[in-house]
PDB file of N, CA and C in Angstrom:
ATOM      1  N   MET A   1      40.400 112.654  74.288  1.00  0.00           N
ATOM      2  CA  MET A   1      41.692 112.326  73.932  1.00  0.00           C
ATOM      3  C   MET A   1      41.837 110.958  73.626  1.00  0.00           C
ATOM      4  N   ILE A   2      41.075 109.990  73.392  1.00  0.00           N
ATOM      5  CA  ILE A   2      41.170 108.523  72.825  1.00  0.00           C
ATOM      6  C   ILE A   2      41.092 108.895  71.553  1.00  0.00           C
ATOM      7  N   GLY A   3      40.709 109.479  70.851  1.00  0.00           N
ATOM      8  CA  GLY A   3      40.620 109.498  69.188  1.00  0.00           C
ATOM      9  C   GLY A   3      42.161 110.068  69.156  1.00  0.00           C
ATOM     10  N   LEU A   4      43.047 111.241  69.646  1.00  0.00           N
ATOM     11  CA  LEU A   4      44.316 111.315  69.527  1.00  0.00           C
ATOM     12  C   LEU A   4      44.986 109.881  69.512  1.00  0.00           C
ATOM     13  N   ALA A   5      44.691 109.616  70.693  1.00  0.00           N
ATOM     14  CA  ALA A   5      45.506 108.514  71.102  1.00  0.00           C
ATOM     15  C   ALA A   5      45.701 107.561  69.975  1.00  0.00           C
ATOM     16  N   ARG A   6      44.712 107.066  69.717  1.00  0.00           N
ATOM     17  CA  ARG A   6      44.239 106.453  68.354  1.00  0.00           C
ATOM     18  C   ARG A   6      44.624 106.442  67.438  1.00  0.00           C
ATOM     19  N   GLU A   7      45.208 107.644  66.895  1.00  0.00           N
ATOM     20  CA  GLU A   7      45.582 108.233  65.536  1.00  0.00           C
ATOM     21  C   GLU A   7      47.205 108.386  65.956  1.00  0.00           C
ATOM     22  N   LEU A   8      47.423 108.268  66.988  1.00  0.00           N
ATOM     23  CA  LEU A   8      49.457 108.129  67.688  1.00  0.00           C
ATOM     24  C   LEU A   8      49.722 106.922  67.365  1.00  0.00           C
ATOM     25  N   VAL A   9      48.588 105.788  67.466  1.00  0.00           N
ATOM     26  CA  VAL A   9      48.919 104.443  66.811  1.00  0.00           C
ATOM     27  C   VAL A   9      49.694 104.493  65.447  1.00  0.00           C
ATOM     28  N   HIS A  10      48.239 104.889  65.051  1.00  0.00           N
ATOM     29  CA  HIS A  10      48.772 104.753  63.486  1.00  0.00           C
ATOM     30  C   HIS A  10      49.882 105.492  62.905  1.00  0.00           C
ATOM     31  N   ASP A  11      50.290 106.454  63.360  1.00  0.00           N
ATOM     32  CA  ASP A  11      51.339 107.241  62.731  1.00  0.00           C
ATOM     33  C   ASP A  11      51.797 108.577  64.065  1.00  0.00           C
ATOM     34  N   PRO A  12      52.851 107.657  64.723  1.00  0.00           N
ATOM     35  CA  PRO A  12      52.915 108.046  65.993  1.00  0.00           C
ATOM     36  C   PRO A  12      54.187 109.510  65.241  1.00  0.00           C
ATOM     37  N   SER A  13      54.251 110.519  64.218  1.00  0.00           N
ATOM     38  CA  SER A  13      54.893 110.915  63.748  1.00  0.00           C
ATOM     39  C   SER A  13      53.766 112.441  63.390  1.00  0.00           C
ATOM     40  N   ARG A  14      52.535 112.381  63.875  1.00  0.00           N
ATOM     41  CA  ARG A  14      51.261 112.780  63.354  1.00  0.00           C
ATOM     42  C   ARG A  14      51.431 114.300  64.482  1.00  0.00           C
ATOM     43  N   PRO A  15      52.077 113.790  65.135  1.00  0.00           N
ATOM     44  CA  PRO A  15      52.187 115.913  65.728  1.00  0.00           C
ATOM     45  C   PRO A  15      52.775 116.481  64.689  1.00  0.00           C
ATOM     46  N   ASN A  16      53.860 116.046  64.640  1.00  0.00           N
ATOM     47  CA  ASN A  16      55.133 116.881  63.769  1.00  0.00           C
ATOM     48  C   ASN A  16      54.415 117.441  62.381  1.00  0.00           C
ATOM     49  N   LYS A  17      53.373 116.397  61.964  1.00  0.00           N
ATOM     50  CA  LYS A  17      53.187 116.984  60.753  1.00  0.00           C
ATOM     51  C   LYS A  17      51.834 117.830  60.559  1.00  0.00           C
ATOM     52  N   TRP A  18      50.925 117.941  61.806  1.00  0.00           N
ATOM     53  CA  TRP A  18      49.958 119.153  62.296  1.00  0.00           C
ATOM     54  C   TRP A  18      50.921 120.151  62.237  1.00  0.00           C
ATOM     55  N   GLN A  19      52.220 120.511  63.606  1.00  0.00           N
ATOM     56  CA  GLN A  19      52.636 121.466  63.393  1.00  0.00           C
ATOM     57  C   GLN A  19      53.577 121.673  62.109  1.00  0.00           C
ATOM     58  N   ALA A  20      53.808 121.079  61.082  1.00  0.00           N
ATOM     59  CA  ALA A  20      54.718 121.559  60.281  1.00  0.00           C
ATOM     60  C   ALA A  20      53.314 122.362  58.753  1.00  0.00           C
ATOM     61  N   GLY A  21      52.400 121.748  59.225  1.00  0.00           N
ATOM     62  CA  GLY A  21      50.520 122.328  58.734  1.00  0.00           C
ATOM     63  C   GLY A  21      50.228 121.674  57.877  1.00  0.00           C
ATOM     64  N   ALA A  22      50.683 119.921  57.780  1.00  0.00           N
ATOM     65  CA  ALA A  22      49.653 119.189  56.983  1.00  0.00           C
ATOM     66  C   ALA A  22      48.893 119.293  57.674  1.00  0.00           C
ATOM     67  N   SER A  23      47.406 118.928  56.594  1.00  0.00           N
ATOM     68  CA  SER A  23      46.180 119.133  57.141  1.00  0.00           C
ATOM     69  C   SER A  23      44.978 117.740  56.992  1.00  0.00           C
ATOM     70  N   GLU A  24      45.945 116.643  56.433  1.00  0.00           N
ATOM     71  CA  GLU A  24      45.214 115.401  56.081  1.00  0.00           C
ATOM     72  C   GLU A  24      44.679 114.948  57.688  1.00  0.00           C
ATOM     73  N   ASN A  25      43.547 114.401  57.058  1.00  0.00           N
ATOM     74  CA  ASN A  25      42.834 113.824  58.250  1.00  0.00           C
ATOM     75  C   ASN A  25      43.322 112.470  58.229  1.00  0.00           C
ATOM     76  N   PRO A  26      43.152 111.883  60.061  1.00  0.00           N
ATOM     77  CA  PRO A  26      43.585 110.341  60.257  1.00  0.00           C
ATOM     78  C   PRO A  26      43.162 109.489  59.709  1.00  0.00           C
ATOM     79  N   GLN A  27      43.266 108.575  59.082  1.00  0.00           N
ATOM     80  CA  GLN A  27      43.046 107.630  58.869  1.00  0.00           C
ATOM     81  C   GLN A  27      42.675 106.127  59.651  1.00  0.00           C
ATOM     82  N   PHE A  28      42.040 105.844  60.139  1.00  0.00           N
ATOM     83  CA  PHE A  28      41.392 104.854  60.984  1.00  0.00           C
ATOM     84  C   PHE A  28      41.046 103.405  60.439  1.00  0.00           C
ATOM     85  N   PRO A  29      41.305 102.493  60.783  1.00  0.00           N
ATOM     86  CA  PRO A  29      41.564 101.096  60.190  1.00  0.00           C
ATOM     87  C   PRO A  29      39.633 100.961  60.311  1.00  0.00           C
ATOM     88  N   LYS A  30      39.346 100.024  59.396  1.00  0.00           N
ATOM     89  CA  LYS A  30      37.904  99.471  59.318  1.00  0.00           C
ATOM     90  C   LYS A  30      37.983  98.059  59.318  1.00  0.00           C
ATOM     91  N   PHE A  31      37.308  97.749  60.351  1.00  0.00           N
ATOM     92  CA  PHE A  31      37.025  96.318  61.367  1.00  0.00           C
ATOM     93  C   PHE A  31      35.701  95.389  60.703  1.00  0.00           C
ATOM     94  N   GLU A  32      36.059  94.589  60.362  1.00  0.00           N
ATOM     95  CA  GLU A  32      34.331  93.636  59.984  1.00  0.00           C
ATOM     96  C   GLU A  32      34.097  92.892  60.419  1.00  0.00           C
ATOM     97  N   ASN A  33      32.922  93.196  61.194  1.00  0.00           N
ATOM     98  CA  ASN A  33      32.334  92.464  62.068  1.00  0.00           C
ATOM     99  C   ASN A  33      33.592  92.025  63.256  1.00  0.00           C
ATOM    100  N   PRO A  34      33.974  92.587  63.834  1.00  0.00           N
ATOM    101  CA  PRO A  34      34.978  92.685  65.044  1.00  0.00           C
ATOM    102  C   PRO A  34      34.419  91.630  66.139  1.00  0.00           C
ATOM    103  N   PRO A  35      34.766  91.338  66.774  1.00  0.00           N
ATOM    104  CA  PRO A  35      34.342  90.214  67.884  1.00  0.00           C
ATOM    105  C   PRO A  35      34.116  91.328  68.993  1.00  0.00           C
ATOM    106  N   GLU A  36      33.246  91.279  69.952  1.00  0.00           N
ATOM    107  CA  GLU A  36      32.842  91.831  71.029  1.00  0.00           C
ATOM    108  C   GLU A  36      34.340  92.304  72.153  1.00  0.00           C
ATOM    109  N   GLY A  37      34.786  93.670  71.865  1.00  0.00           N
ATOM    110  CA  GLY A  37      35.880  94.021  72.696  1.00  0.00           C
ATOM    111  C   GLY A  37      37.194  93.892  71.921  1.00  0.00           C
ATOM    112  N   GLY A  38      37.125  93.580  70.874  1.00  0.00           N
ATOM    113  CA  GLY A  38      38.252  93.580  69.678  1.00  0.00           C
ATOM    114  C   GLY A  38      38.713  94.748  69.197  1.00  0.00           C
ATOM    115  N   VAL A  39      37.959  95.769  68.975  1.00  0.00           N
ATOM    116  CA  VAL A  39      38.374  96.669  69.023  1.00  0.00           C
ATOM    117  C   VAL A  39      39.277  97.516  69.778  1.00  0.00           C
ATOM    118  N   THR A  40      38.925  97.753  71.419  1.00  0.00           N
ATOM    119  CA  THR A  40      39.726  98.180  72.396  1.00  0.00           C
ATOM    120  C   THR A  40      40.905  97.201  72.453  1.00  0.00           C
ATOM    121  N   ALA A  41      40.688  95.786  72.214  1.00  0.00           N
ATOM    122  CA  ALA A  41      41.852  95.043  72.681  1.00  0.00           C
ATOM    123  C   ALA A  41      42.817  95.659  71.971  1.00  0.00           C
ATOM    124  N   TRP A  42      42.737  95.743  70.802  1.00  0.00           N
ATOM    125  CA  TRP A  42      43.507  96.136  69.873  1.00  0.00           C
ATOM    126  C   TRP A  42      44.501  97.006  69.725  1.00  0.00           C
ATOM    127  N   TYR A  43      43.600  98.079  70.408  1.00  0.00           N
ATOM    128  CA  TYR A  43      44.188  99.306  70.463  1.00  0.00           C
ATOM    129  C   TYR A  43      44.883  99.131  71.083  1.00  0.00           C
ATOM    130  N   THR A  44      44.466  98.856  72.966  1.00  0.00           N
ATOM    131  CA  THR A  44      45.723  98.443  73.700  1.00  0.00           C
ATOM    132  C   THR A  44      46.445  98.242  73.713  1.00  0.00           C
ATOM    133  N   MET A  45      46.343  96.793  72.489  1.00  0.00           N
ATOM    134  CA  MET A  45      47.771  95.881  72.296  1.00  0.00           C
ATOM    135  C   MET A  45      48.479  96.848  71.661  1.00  0.00           C
ATOM    136  N   GLN A  46      48.288  97.220  70.669  1.00  0.00           N
ATOM    137  CA  GLN A  46      49.350  98.172  70.078  1.00  0.00           C
ATOM    138  C   GLN A  46      50.017  99.652  70.719  1.00  0.00           C
ATOM    139  N   LEU A  47      49.288 100.233  71.901  1.00  0.00           N
ATOM    140  CA  LEU A  47      50.072 101.055  72.658  1.00  0.00           C
ATOM    141  C   LEU A  47      50.986 100.413  73.286  1.00  0.00           C
ATOM    142  N   THR A  48      50.300  99.112  73.867  1.00  0.00           N
ATOM    143  CA  THR A  48      51.141  97.992  75.086  1.00  0.00           C
ATOM    144  C   THR A  48      52.687  98.035  73.954  1.00  0.00           C
ATOM    145  N   GLU A  49      52.315  97.681  72.627  1.00  0.00           N
ATOM    146  CA  GLU A  49      53.952  97.481  71.809  1.00  0.00           C
ATOM    147  C   GLU A  49      54.297  98.742  71.694  1.00  0.00           C
ATOM    148  N   ILE A  50      53.972  99.539  71.579  1.00  0.00           N
ATOM    149  CA  ILE A  50      54.838 100.929  70.938  1.00  0.00           C
ATOM    150  C   ILE A  50      55.200 101.276  72.113  1.00  0.00           C
ATOM    151  N   GLY A  51      54.421 101.291  73.413  1.00  0.00           N
ATOM    152  CA  GLY A  51      55.222 101.207  74.790  1.00  0.00           C
ATOM    153  C   GLY A  51      56.743 100.871  75.046  1.00  0.00           C
ATOM    154  N   GLU A  52      56.753  99.512  74.263  1.00  0.00           N
ATOM    155  CA  GLU A  52      57.940  98.238  74.628  1.00  0.00           C
ATOM    156  C   GLU A  52      58.712  98.670  73.773  1.00  0.00           C
ATOM    157  N   ASP A  53      58.231  99.496  72.541  1.00  0.00           N
ATOM    158  CA  ASP A  53      59.090  99.131  71.070  1.00  0.00           C
ATOM    159  C   ASP A  53      59.134  98.339  70.979  1.00  0.00           C
ATOM    160  N   ARG A  54      58.108  97.195  70.431  1.00  0.00           N
ATOM    161  CA  ARG A  54      58.135  95.819  70.092  1.00  0.00           C
ATOM    162  C   ARG A  54      57.447  96.063  68.384  1.00  0.00           C
ATOM    163  N   GLU A  55      57.196  95.055  67.801  1.00  0.00           N
ATOM    164  CA  GLU A  55      56.379  95.168  66.661  1.00  0.00           C
ATOM    165  C   GLU A  55      55.242  95.050  66.943  1.00  0.00           C
ATOM    166  N   GLN A  56      54.183  95.985  66.202  1.00  0.00           N
ATOM    167  CA  GLN A  56      53.003  96.201  66.380  1.00  0.00           C
ATOM    168  C   GLN A  56      52.205  95.072  65.615  1.00  0.00           C
ATOM    169  N   PRO A  57      51.234  94.838  65.809  1.00  0.00           N
ATOM    170  CA  PRO A  57      50.317  93.567  65.117  1.00  0.00           C
ATOM    171  C   PRO A  57      49.433  94.212  64.352  1.00  0.00           C
ATOM    172  N   ASP A  58      48.971  93.978  63.254  1.00  0.00           N
ATOM    173  CA  ASP A  58      48.654  94.603  62.187  1.00  0.00           C
ATOM    174  C   ASP A  58      46.860  94.522  61.993  1.00  0.00           C
ATOM    175  N   GLU A  59      46.310  94.984  61.608  1.00  0.00           N
ATOM    176  CA  GLU A  59      44.941  95.183  61.861  1.00  0.00           C
ATOM    177  C   GLU A  59      43.492  93.750  61.248  1.00  0.00           C
ATOM    178  N   THR A  60      44.671  92.757  61.298  1.00  0.00           N
ATOM    179  CA  THR A  60      43.794  91.340  60.498  1.00  0.00           C
ATOM    180  C   THR A  60      44.395  90.375  61.715  1.00  0.00           C
ATOM    181  N   ARG A  61      44.923  91.281  62.810  1.00  0.00           N
ATOM    182  CA  ARG A  61      44.418  90.252  64.059  1.00  0.00           C
ATOM    183  C   ARG A  61      44.079  90.857  65.316  1.00  0.00           C
ATOM    184  N   LEU A  62      42.565  90.980  65.113  1.00  0.00           N
ATOM    185  CA  LEU A  62      41.675  91.275  66.171  1.00  0.00           C
ATOM    186  C   LEU A  62      42.054  89.944  67.274  1.00  0.00           C
ATOM    187  N   LYS A  63      41.915  88.935  66.765  1.00  0.00           N
ATOM    188  CA  LYS A  63      41.921  87.485  67.892  1.00  0.00           C
ATOM    189  C   LYS A  63      42.791  87.196  68.539  1.00  0.00           C
ATOM    190  N   GLU A  64      43.916  87.968  67.929  1.00  0.00           N
ATOM    191  CA  GLU A  64      45.355  87.859  68.454  1.00  0.00           C
ATOM    192  C   GLU A  64      45.419  88.594  69.780  1.00  0.00           C
ATOM    193  N   ALA A  65      45.057  90.031  69.239  1.00  0.00           N
ATOM    194  CA  ALA A  65      45.334  91.017  70.121  1.00  0.00           C
ATOM    195  C   ALA A  65      44.052  90.634  71.349  1.00  0.00           C
ATOM    196  N   ILE A  66      43.347  90.244  71.009  1.00  0.00           N
ATOM    197  CA  ILE A  66      41.873  89.783  72.591  1.00  0.00           C
ATOM    198  C   ILE A  66      42.716  88.816  73.488  1.00  0.00           C
ATOM    199  N   ASP A  67      42.969  87.799  72.481  1.00  0.00           N
ATOM    200  CA  ASP A  67      44.104  86.829  73.165  1.00  0.00           C
ATOM    201  C   ASP A  67      45.156  87.267  74.460  1.00  0.00           C
ATOM    202  N   GLN A  68      45.914  88.182  73.870  1.00  0.00           N
ATOM    203  CA  GLN A  68      47.286  88.794  73.950  1.00  0.00           C
ATOM    204  C   GLN A  68      46.380  89.612  75.020  1.00  0.00           C
ATOM    205  N   TYR A  69      44.987  90.510  75.501  1.00  0.00           N
ATOM    206  CA  TYR A  69      44.952  91.563  76.098  1.00  0.00           C
ATOM    207  C   TYR A  69      44.404  90.264  77.395  1.00  0.00           C
ATOM    208  N   ASP A  70      43.977  89.449  77.180  1.00  0.00           N
ATOM    209  CA  ASP A  70      42.769  88.561  77.968  1.00  0.00           C
ATOM    210  C   ASP A  70      44.172  87.708  79.125  1.00  0.00           C
ATOM    211  N   GLU A  71      45.270  87.513  78.270  1.00  0.00           N
ATOM    212  CA  GLU A  71      46.359  86.726  79.041  1.00  0.00           C
ATOM    213  C   GLU A  71      47.488  88.223  79.845  1.00  0.00           C
ATOM    214  N   ARG A  72      47.601  88.780  79.016  1.00  0.00           N
ATOM    215  CA  ARG A  72      47.750  90.052  80.071  1.00  0.00           C
ATOM    216  C   ARG A  72      47.283  90.907  81.540  1.00  0.00           C
ATOM    217  N   ASP A  73      45.830  90.848  81.103  1.00  0.00           N
ATOM    218  CA  ASP A  73      44.515  90.781  82.171  1.00  0.00           C
ATOM    219  C   ASP A  73      44.649  89.626  83.441  1.00  0.00           C
ATOM    220  N   ARG A  74      45.154  88.534  82.888  1.00  0.00           N
ATOM    221  CA  ARG A  74      44.776  87.247  83.567  1.00  0.00           C
ATOM    222  C   ARG A  74      46.571  87.519  84.826  1.00  0.00           C
ATOM    223  N   HIS A  75      47.494  87.805  84.098  1.00  0.00           N
ATOM    224  CA  HIS A  75      48.581  87.621  84.852  1.00  0.00           C
ATOM    225  C   HIS A  75      49.050  89.209  85.743  1.00  0.00           C
ATOM    226  N   ARG A  76      48.145  90.394  85.226  1.00  0.00           N
ATOM    227  CA  ARG A  76      47.915  91.078  86.182  1.00  0.00           C
ATOM    228  C   ARG A  76      46.797  90.750  87.577  1.00  0.00           C
ATOM    229  N   THR A  77      46.302  89.984  86.872  1.00  0.00           N
ATOM    230  CA  THR A  77      45.414  89.707  88.383  1.00  0.00           C
ATOM    231  C   THR A  77      46.270  88.605  89.020  1.00  0.00           C
ATOM    232  N   GLU A  78      46.566  88.064  88.868  1.00  0.00           N
ATOM    233  CA  GLU A  78      47.741  87.202  89.599  1.00  0.00           C
ATOM    234  C   GLU A  78      48.465  87.957  90.496  1.00  0.00           C
ATOM    235  N   GLN A  79      49.297  89.318  89.999  1.00  0.00           N
ATOM    236  CA  GLN A  79      50.133  89.897  90.768  1.00  0.00           C
ATOM    237  C   GLN A  79      49.299  91.098  91.877  1.00  0.00           C
ATOM    238  N   TRP A  80      48.371  91.415  91.201  1.00  0.00           N
ATOM    239  CA  TRP A  80      47.085  92.228  92.608  1.00  0.00           C
ATOM    240  C   TRP A  80      46.950  90.900  93.636  1.00  0.00           C
ATOM    241  N   LYS A  81      47.086  89.876  93.204  1.00  0.00           N
ATOM    242  CA  LYS A  81      46.044  89.569  94.199  1.00  0.00           C
ATOM    243  C   LYS A  81      46.917  88.466  94.870  1.00  0.00           C
ATOM    244  N   ALA A  82      48.146  88.760  94.660  1.00  0.00           N
ATOM    245  CA  ALA A  82      50.040  88.755  95.076  1.00  0.00           C
ATOM    246  C   ALA A  82      49.716  89.425  96.061  1.00  0.00           C
ATOM    247  N   HIS A  83      49.793  90.628  95.784  1.00  0.00           N
ATOM    248  CA  HIS A  83      50.406  91.757  96.353  1.00  0.00           C
ATOM    249  C   HIS A  83      49.385  92.403  97.514  1.00  0.00           C
ATOM    250  N   PHE A  84      47.974  91.493  97.285  1.00  0.00           N
ATOM    251  CA  PHE A  84      47.369  92.068  98.733  1.00  0.00           C
ATOM    252  C   PHE A  84      46.705  91.116  99.428  1.00  0.00           C
ATOM    253  N   GLY A  85      47.646  89.427  99.327  1.00  0.00           N
ATOM    254  CA  GLY A  85      47.547  88.517  99.895  1.00  0.00           C
ATOM    255  C   GLY A  85      45.888  88.033  99.727  1.00  0.00           C
ATOM    256  N   LEU A  86      45.826  87.763  98.479  1.00  0.00           N
ATOM    257  CA  LEU A  86      43.987  87.478  97.874  1.00  0.00           C
ATOM    258  C   LEU A  86      44.226  86.331  97.837  1.00  0.00           C
TER     259      LEU A  86
END
């Protein structure tokens, strides 16, 4: 499932291409020296951008994706704390 979701980040029309008989293999970005957690953060933020119909960050902005991911987690942590009275 993760591999499929990652391909859909790069080419949301991939299922239509497969259904039409296209057999090209997915092409995933290659990250040189990514920071720890950088690739996961990048894909997570890509999926978030797609889900919110916003412009997607490009492959060169790993640090920005990590910062956005961390900020989103800080915000969600505060929401959960408030919800549970912590």
